[in-house]
Protein backbone atom coordinates (compact mmCIF):
# COMPACT_ATOMS: atom_id res chain seq x y z
CA MET A 1 -109.63 261.40 79.20
CA LEU A 2 -110.61 257.93 80.16
CA SER A 3 -110.31 257.73 83.72
CA LEU A 4 -108.09 254.76 84.90
CA GLY A 5 -107.58 255.48 88.39
CA LYS A 6 -103.66 255.69 87.84
CA THR A 7 -101.11 257.43 85.79
CA MET A 8 -100.17 255.52 82.55
CA GLU A 9 -96.44 254.61 82.54
CA GLN A 10 -94.29 256.18 79.82
CA THR A 11 -90.94 254.98 78.18
CA LEU A 12 -88.40 256.33 75.76
CA ILE A 13 -87.82 254.74 72.63
CA LEU A 14 -84.74 255.64 70.17
CA VAL A 15 -84.66 254.06 66.55
CA LYS A 16 -81.00 254.04 66.04
CA PRO A 17 -79.17 255.00 62.87
CA ASP A 18 -79.17 251.21 61.66
CA GLY A 19 -82.86 251.20 62.10
CA VAL A 20 -83.45 254.49 60.29
CA GLU A 21 -81.53 253.81 57.46
CA ARG A 22 -82.95 250.41 56.94
CA GLY A 23 -86.47 251.90 56.75
CA LEU A 24 -87.81 249.91 59.83
CA VAL A 25 -89.16 253.02 61.81
CA GLY A 26 -92.66 252.35 60.86
CA GLU A 27 -92.59 248.70 61.53
CA ILE A 28 -91.04 248.95 64.87
CA PHE A 29 -93.57 251.56 65.70
CA ALA A 30 -96.67 249.48 64.27
CA ARG A 31 -95.58 246.51 66.56
CA LEU A 32 -95.33 248.60 69.82
CA GLN A 33 -98.68 250.44 68.75
CA ARG A 34 -100.48 247.16 68.06
CA ALA A 35 -99.72 245.84 71.43
CA GLY A 36 -101.62 248.65 72.79
CA LEU A 37 -98.87 251.27 73.53
CA LYS A 38 -99.63 254.88 72.43
CA ILE A 39 -97.15 257.32 70.76
CA VAL A 40 -97.17 260.61 72.99
CA ALA A 41 -94.07 262.34 71.65
CA LEU A 42 -92.23 261.78 68.41
CA LYS A 43 -89.45 263.35 66.50
CA MET A 44 -86.45 262.80 64.20
CA VAL A 45 -83.17 264.20 65.48
CA LYS A 46 -79.50 264.47 64.64
CA ALA A 47 -78.07 263.67 68.22
CA THR A 48 -75.55 266.03 69.95
CA ALA A 49 -72.42 264.65 71.64
CA GLU A 50 -73.99 265.99 75.02
CA GLN A 51 -77.06 264.30 74.56
CA CYS A 52 -75.56 261.01 73.77
CA ASP A 53 -73.21 261.39 76.65
CA LYS A 54 -76.07 262.06 79.13
CA HIS A 55 -78.00 259.36 77.60
CA TYR A 56 -75.32 256.52 78.09
CA ALA A 57 -74.36 257.54 81.74
CA LEU A 58 -71.49 255.73 82.79
CA THR A 59 -72.44 254.26 86.05
CA GLU A 60 -71.22 251.05 87.83
CA GLU A 61 -74.55 249.64 87.37
CA TRP A 62 -74.69 250.21 83.45
CA MET A 63 -70.94 248.98 82.90
CA LYS A 64 -71.67 245.95 84.91
CA GLY A 65 -74.88 245.26 83.12
CA VAL A 66 -73.31 245.55 79.68
CA TYR A 67 -70.27 243.54 80.77
CA ASP A 68 -71.72 240.69 82.31
CA LYS A 69 -74.17 240.10 79.18
CA ALA A 70 -71.33 240.12 76.68
CA LYS A 71 -68.92 238.01 78.86
CA ALA A 72 -71.81 235.43 79.84
CA LYS A 73 -72.67 234.98 75.91
CA MET A 74 -68.96 234.74 74.55
CA GLU A 75 -67.95 232.23 77.33
CA SER A 76 -71.25 230.05 76.52
CA LEU A 77 -69.86 229.92 72.85
CA GLY A 78 -66.40 228.78 74.20
CA GLN A 79 -64.81 232.27 73.02
CA PRO A 80 -62.49 234.26 75.17
CA PHE A 81 -63.78 237.63 76.47
CA PRO A 82 -60.71 240.03 75.86
CA TYR A 83 -61.65 242.63 78.52
CA PRO A 84 -60.32 242.27 81.99
CA ASP A 85 -63.29 244.02 83.76
CA HIS A 86 -66.51 246.03 83.41
CA LYS A 87 -65.09 249.42 83.71
CA ALA A 88 -62.79 248.75 80.43
CA TYR A 89 -65.61 246.99 78.60
CA GLY A 90 -68.05 249.76 79.59
CA GLY A 91 -65.84 252.52 78.55
CA MET A 92 -65.18 251.13 75.36
CA ILE A 93 -69.07 250.34 74.65
CA LYS A 94 -70.09 253.93 75.79
CA ASP A 95 -67.39 255.64 73.35
CA GLY A 96 -68.84 253.43 70.37
CA LEU A 97 -72.48 253.79 71.32
CA VAL A 98 -72.07 257.67 71.56
CA GLU A 99 -70.41 257.61 68.16
CA PHE A 100 -73.05 255.34 66.69
CA LEU A 101 -75.87 257.62 67.89
CA GLN A 102 -74.22 260.52 66.01
CA ALA A 103 -73.57 258.76 62.84
CA GLY A 104 -76.92 259.46 61.42
CA PRO A 105 -80.32 260.56 62.22
CA ILE A 106 -82.26 258.61 65.05
CA VAL A 107 -86.06 258.85 65.65
CA ALA A 108 -86.94 259.48 69.45
CA ALA A 109 -90.44 258.70 70.93
CA VAL A 110 -92.22 258.34 73.95
CA PHE A 111 -94.78 255.50 74.18
CA GLU A 112 -97.47 255.31 76.89
CA GLY A 113 -99.51 252.39 78.38
CA GLU A 114 -99.88 249.82 81.23
CA GLN A 115 -96.55 248.75 82.41
CA ALA A 116 -95.10 250.49 79.38
CA VAL A 117 -91.34 249.77 80.30
CA ALA A 118 -91.59 246.09 80.75
CA GLN A 119 -93.82 245.52 77.83
CA THR A 120 -91.70 247.45 75.38
CA ARG A 121 -88.58 245.61 76.49
CA LYS A 122 -90.33 242.41 76.03
CA LEU A 123 -91.25 243.54 72.36
CA VAL A 124 -87.65 244.73 71.71
CA GLY A 125 -85.93 241.49 72.78
CA ALA A 126 -82.63 240.54 74.03
CA THR A 127 -79.69 243.13 73.65
CA GLU A 128 -77.72 240.83 71.21
CA PRO A 129 -80.18 240.51 68.26
CA ALA A 130 -78.71 236.95 67.56
CA SER A 131 -79.95 235.86 70.96
CA SER A 132 -83.32 237.71 70.60
CA ALA A 133 -86.54 235.26 70.25
CA PRO A 134 -88.25 235.18 66.85
CA GLY A 135 -91.39 237.63 67.11
CA THR A 136 -89.38 240.23 69.05
CA ILE A 137 -88.16 243.27 66.93
CA ARG A 138 -84.48 242.40 67.30
CA GLY A 139 -85.05 238.89 66.80
CA ASP A 140 -86.91 239.52 63.47
CA PHE A 141 -84.78 242.22 62.06
CA SER A 142 -81.23 241.79 63.06
CA ILE A 143 -78.76 238.94 63.38
CA ASP A 144 -75.82 240.82 64.71
CA THR A 145 -73.72 239.12 67.49
CA TYR A 146 -71.35 240.28 70.31
CA ALA A 147 -68.45 238.21 68.62
CA LEU A 148 -69.05 239.80 65.39
CA SER A 149 -69.36 243.42 67.02
CA ASN A 150 -66.20 242.85 69.45
CA SER A 151 -63.99 241.71 66.49
CA GLN A 152 -64.89 244.79 64.53
CA ASN A 153 -64.47 246.87 67.65
CA ARG A 154 -67.95 248.43 67.47
CA PRO A 155 -71.14 248.27 69.38
CA LEU A 156 -74.04 245.95 68.53
CA ARG A 157 -76.17 247.05 65.48
CA ASN A 158 -79.37 246.19 67.49
CA LEU A 159 -81.74 248.89 66.01
CA ILE A 160 -83.43 250.25 68.95
CA HIS A 161 -82.99 251.57 72.49
CA ALA A 162 -85.82 251.10 74.87
CA SER A 163 -85.78 252.22 78.72
CA GLY A 164 -84.68 249.49 81.08
CA THR A 165 -86.77 251.09 84.17
CA VAL A 166 -89.26 253.51 85.15
CA GLU A 167 -86.58 255.80 86.43
CA GLU A 168 -84.30 255.21 83.67
CA ALA A 169 -87.29 256.21 81.52
CA LYS A 170 -87.86 259.55 83.22
CA ASN A 171 -84.39 260.47 82.92
CA GLU A 172 -83.92 259.53 79.42
CA MET A 173 -87.25 261.34 78.30
CA ALA A 174 -85.85 264.47 79.84
CA ILE A 175 -82.67 264.36 77.48
CA TRP A 176 -84.62 264.11 74.17
CA PHE A 177 -87.94 265.88 74.80
CA LYS A 178 -88.94 269.05 76.60
CA PRO A 179 -92.06 268.44 78.91
CA GLU A 180 -94.43 270.18 76.66
CA GLU A 181 -93.32 267.99 73.69
CA ILE A 182 -94.99 264.98 75.30
CA VAL A 183 -98.79 265.09 74.82
CA SER A 184 -100.90 262.20 76.23
CA ILE A 185 -103.98 261.46 74.16
CA ASN A 186 -107.25 260.02 74.47
CA ALA A 187 -107.20 257.44 72.01
CA THR A 188 -110.23 255.48 70.71
CA VAL A 189 -108.74 252.17 71.80
CA ASP A 190 -108.45 253.44 75.63
CA PRO A 191 -111.77 252.02 76.54
CA VAL A 192 -111.13 248.56 74.78
CA LEU A 193 -107.70 248.29 76.55
CA TYR A 194 -108.46 249.80 80.09
CA GLY A 195 -112.19 250.49 80.24
CA ALA A 196 -113.36 249.07 83.56
CA ASP A 197 -117.00 248.48 82.59
CA ARG A 198 -116.26 247.36 79.00
CA TYR A 199 -117.32 243.69 78.37
CA ARG A 200 -119.75 243.64 81.25
CA LEU A 201 -123.17 242.77 80.87
CA ALA A 202 -125.67 245.55 81.89
CA LYS A 203 -127.19 244.88 85.20
């Protein structure tokens, strides 16, 4: 293995049923790989209720996060937000997400690289596809909105989940993969991306 002086960061990616059904798995993963991230675990699964329940942990922080994003977007459009607080909205969203992940096959993967969590989130785009910048995965392949999903009482169809923090990534990887299923590889691109002596003139 190339010696980098530190352990490379890992993050969990889930291609949700809408991404799988639309045939976007290859395109999504190709974008992450072209950025320099490596696949170190990969499988297609039919998610269980237990896996989904653990994945969407109903913490205060998580509920406030989904509530604040959706409320701010709706208010910016001058539209009423029908949920009184983060607990009401968070509970409804979790129920929908758990059902959504079980609605069809998903593809789970672990990607590895320098600042893998932050880099992957940048490439994936904003939670709401319609607010995601062109060039991001969600911005290029979905136009779903909070307004439409709320009017239909369903979660956003935003193709992909990417861990939000390093700690979250560790917890989520343990839900979907056994330790022996995650295998770091010595990729041929590693010296180009991370080699300390690459592109230095010989002295």
